[in-house]
Amino acid sequence: MVVEERPLLYLGLPGTIFIIIAIALGTHILLLFNATRYSSLPIAILALGAGLVGMILITTALMLYGLNRVIRRIES
């Protein structure tokens, strides 16, 4: 019920944090590869996973937010 009332806060904010983590890890991988010509597979998997989770959370938050606005518009 809490997520239905404020989806942008409870799903969008963690999604944004995951996206920021993914960008930071991706930047780290690029800097590591540029310096040593070595790429860390575990960090790459973490970056891709965090990015995927972040995109799913943000997409879900936006869909729930839009659905709540439509329902409130119909009710009023």
Protein backbone atom coordinates (compact mmCIF):
# COMPACT_ATOMS: atom_id res chain seq x y z
CA MET A 1 0.00 0.00 0.00
CA VAL A 2 2.83 2.41 0.77
CA VAL A 3 4.36 1.91 -2.67
CA GLU A 4 1.00 2.58 -4.31
CA GLU A 5 0.69 5.93 -2.52
CA ARG A 6 4.21 7.27 -3.22
CA PRO A 7 5.88 5.13 -5.90
CA LEU A 8 8.38 7.77 -7.00
CA LEU A 9 9.81 7.97 -3.49
CA TYR A 10 9.83 4.28 -2.59
CA LEU A 11 10.76 2.84 -6.00
CA GLY A 12 12.16 5.76 -7.98
CA LEU A 13 14.71 6.86 -5.41
CA PRO A 14 16.28 3.40 -4.93
CA GLY A 15 16.21 2.99 -8.71
CA THR A 16 18.10 6.22 -9.13
CA ILE A 17 20.63 5.11 -6.53
CA PHE A 18 21.15 1.83 -8.39
CA ILE A 19 21.66 3.73 -11.65
CA ILE A 20 24.26 5.97 -9.98
CA ILE A 21 26.03 2.88 -8.61
CA ALA A 22 26.01 1.33 -12.09
CA ILE A 23 27.48 4.48 -13.63
CA ALA A 24 30.19 4.61 -10.95
CA LEU A 25 31.10 0.95 -11.45
CA GLY A 26 31.08 1.36 -15.23
CA THR A 27 33.37 4.37 -14.94
CA HIS A 28 35.67 2.36 -12.69
CA ILE A 29 35.82 -0.45 -15.25
CA LEU A 30 36.64 1.99 -18.05
CA LEU A 31 39.38 3.66 -16.01
CA LEU A 32 40.80 0.27 -15.01
CA PHE A 33 40.82 -0.92 -18.62
CA ASN A 34 42.38 2.31 -19.82
CA ALA A 35 45.18 2.08 -17.26
CA THR A 36 45.96 -1.66 -17.32
CA ARG A 37 44.22 -3.14 -20.39
CA TYR A 38 42.49 -5.47 -17.91
CA SER A 39 38.74 -5.59 -17.36
CA SER A 40 37.23 -7.02 -14.19
CA LEU A 41 34.34 -9.35 -15.00
CA PRO A 42 32.79 -9.35 -11.49
CA ILE A 43 32.65 -5.54 -11.43
CA ALA A 44 31.14 -5.55 -14.92
CA ILE A 45 28.45 -8.01 -13.82
CA LEU A 46 27.70 -5.86 -10.76
CA ALA A 47 27.45 -2.76 -12.95
CA LEU A 48 25.09 -4.45 -15.39
CA GLY A 49 22.99 -5.90 -12.58
CA ALA A 50 22.70 -2.58 -10.76
CA GLY A 51 21.79 -0.82 -14.00
CA LEU A 52 19.13 -3.40 -14.82
CA VAL A 53 17.60 -3.30 -11.34
CA GLY A 54 17.65 0.51 -11.40
CA MET A 55 15.91 0.68 -14.77
CA ILE A 56 13.25 -1.82 -13.67
CA LEU A 57 12.58 0.11 -10.45
CA ILE A 58 12.35 3.47 -12.22
CA THR A 59 10.07 2.06 -14.93
CA THR A 60 7.81 0.48 -12.33
CA ALA A 61 7.70 3.70 -10.31
CA LEU A 62 6.73 5.75 -13.37
CA MET A 63 4.02 3.26 -14.37
CA LEU A 64 2.54 3.21 -10.86
CA TYR A 65 2.67 7.00 -10.66
CA GLY A 66 0.87 7.34 -13.98
CA LEU A 67 -1.71 4.74 -12.97
CA ASN A 68 -2.36 6.55 -9.68
CA ARG A 69 -2.91 9.84 -11.53
CA VAL A 70 -5.37 8.22 -13.93
CA ILE A 71 -7.28 6.55 -11.09
CA ARG A 72 -7.48 9.81 -9.11
CA ARG A 73 -8.65 11.67 -12.20
CA ILE A 74 -11.40 9.08 -12.78
CA GLU A 75 -12.49 9.16 -9.12
CA SER A 76 -12.82 12.94 -8.99
